[in-house]
Amino acid sequence: MTIARKPKKPNEVEIATLIEKGGSVPKSHKRAGKTDLKNVQLRLSENIISDIDNIRQQNIVAPSRHAWILTAIKEKIGRDVKTTS
């Protein structure tokens, strides 16, 4: 068991100095090359989610549900682009 000293309480001057120092506004964390991402809310029935999960589990390493849905969307877009061209 590690024994540590009890931390000392800061005095009023230290507290005031810290408050006056202030801080900076949080910077937005943009992923390199992925600045065009948008959040989308998706509502699916329990049956569809169950079907997706059953299909995912058939892989040796099941992809996340998110990854599976993205792959399905990309495949659908690829098929639709080929049929409209």
Protein backbone atom coordinates (compact mmCIF):
# COMPACT_ATOMS: atom_id res chain seq x y z
CA MET A 1 0.00 0.00 0.00
CA THR A 2 1.35 3.38 -0.99
CA ILE A 3 1.40 6.05 1.66
CA ALA A 4 1.04 9.63 0.49
CA ARG A 5 1.00 12.85 2.34
CA LYS A 6 -2.28 14.56 2.85
CA PRO A 7 -2.53 17.35 0.27
CA LYS A 8 -2.28 20.82 1.72
CA LYS A 9 -5.25 23.11 1.35
CA PRO A 10 -4.62 26.06 -0.95
CA ASN A 11 -4.86 29.45 0.70
CA GLU A 12 -7.13 32.24 -0.49
CA VAL A 13 -4.32 33.93 -2.45
CA GLU A 14 -3.58 30.76 -4.42
CA ILE A 15 -7.27 30.29 -5.16
CA ALA A 16 -7.69 33.89 -6.31
CA THR A 17 -4.55 33.63 -8.48
CA LEU A 18 -5.87 30.49 -10.17
CA ILE A 19 -9.27 32.07 -10.81
CA GLU A 20 -7.75 35.29 -12.19
CA LYS A 21 -5.43 33.31 -14.43
CA GLY A 22 -8.48 32.04 -16.25
CA GLY A 23 -8.31 29.57 -19.06
CA SER A 24 -8.78 29.22 -22.75
CA VAL A 25 -11.82 28.28 -24.76
CA PRO A 26 -11.76 24.60 -25.66
CA LYS A 27 -10.45 24.01 -29.16
CA SER A 28 -12.45 21.90 -31.52
CA HIS A 29 -10.77 18.58 -32.08
CA LYS A 30 -11.02 17.82 -35.76
CA ARG A 31 -9.78 14.50 -37.03
CA ALA A 32 -7.31 14.71 -39.84
CA GLY A 33 -9.17 14.27 -43.11
CA LYS A 34 -12.51 13.74 -41.41
CA THR A 35 -13.69 17.30 -40.95
CA ASP A 36 -16.76 16.70 -43.10
CA LEU A 37 -18.41 14.24 -40.68
CA LYS A 38 -21.97 14.94 -39.60
CA ASN A 39 -23.89 13.27 -36.81
CA VAL A 40 -27.06 11.47 -37.85
CA GLN A 41 -29.65 10.07 -35.50
CA LEU A 42 -30.96 6.71 -36.68
CA ARG A 43 -33.95 4.92 -35.23
CA LEU A 44 -34.24 1.19 -35.95
CA SER A 45 -36.73 -1.38 -34.75
CA GLU A 46 -35.56 -4.10 -32.38
CA ASN A 47 -36.14 -6.65 -35.17
CA ILE A 48 -33.77 -4.87 -37.56
CA ILE A 49 -31.13 -4.49 -34.85
CA SER A 50 -31.48 -8.17 -34.00
CA ASP A 51 -31.10 -9.12 -37.68
CA ILE A 52 -27.99 -6.92 -37.99
CA ASP A 53 -26.47 -8.42 -34.84
CA ASN A 54 -27.15 -11.98 -36.05
CA ILE A 55 -25.43 -11.25 -39.37
CA ARG A 56 -22.48 -9.55 -37.62
CA GLN A 57 -21.93 -12.55 -35.36
CA GLN A 58 -21.41 -14.81 -38.38
CA ASN A 59 -17.98 -13.21 -38.96
CA ILE A 60 -14.88 -14.57 -37.23
CA VAL A 61 -14.39 -11.12 -35.72
CA ALA A 62 -17.69 -9.30 -35.57
CA PRO A 63 -17.48 -5.67 -36.70
CA SER A 64 -19.12 -3.08 -34.51
CA ARG A 65 -22.73 -2.32 -35.33
CA HIS A 66 -21.63 1.16 -36.43
CA ALA A 67 -19.01 -0.26 -38.82
CA TRP A 68 -21.48 -2.80 -40.19
CA ILE A 69 -24.10 -0.12 -40.88
CA LEU A 70 -21.50 2.13 -42.58
CA THR A 71 -20.40 -0.77 -44.78
CA ALA A 72 -24.02 -1.56 -45.68
CA ILE A 73 -24.67 2.08 -46.59
CA LYS A 74 -21.52 2.25 -48.76
CA GLU A 75 -22.50 -0.98 -50.55
CA LYS A 76 -26.01 0.36 -51.19
CA ILE A 77 -24.65 3.65 -52.52
CA GLY A 78 -22.23 1.74 -54.77
CA ARG A 79 -25.07 -0.35 -56.19
CA ASP A 80 -27.30 2.68 -56.73
CA VAL A 81 -24.54 4.67 -58.43
CA LYS A 82 -23.89 1.79 -60.86
CA THR A 83 -27.59 1.51 -61.77
CA THR A 84 -28.03 5.24 -62.37
CA SER A 85 -24.88 5.60 -64.50
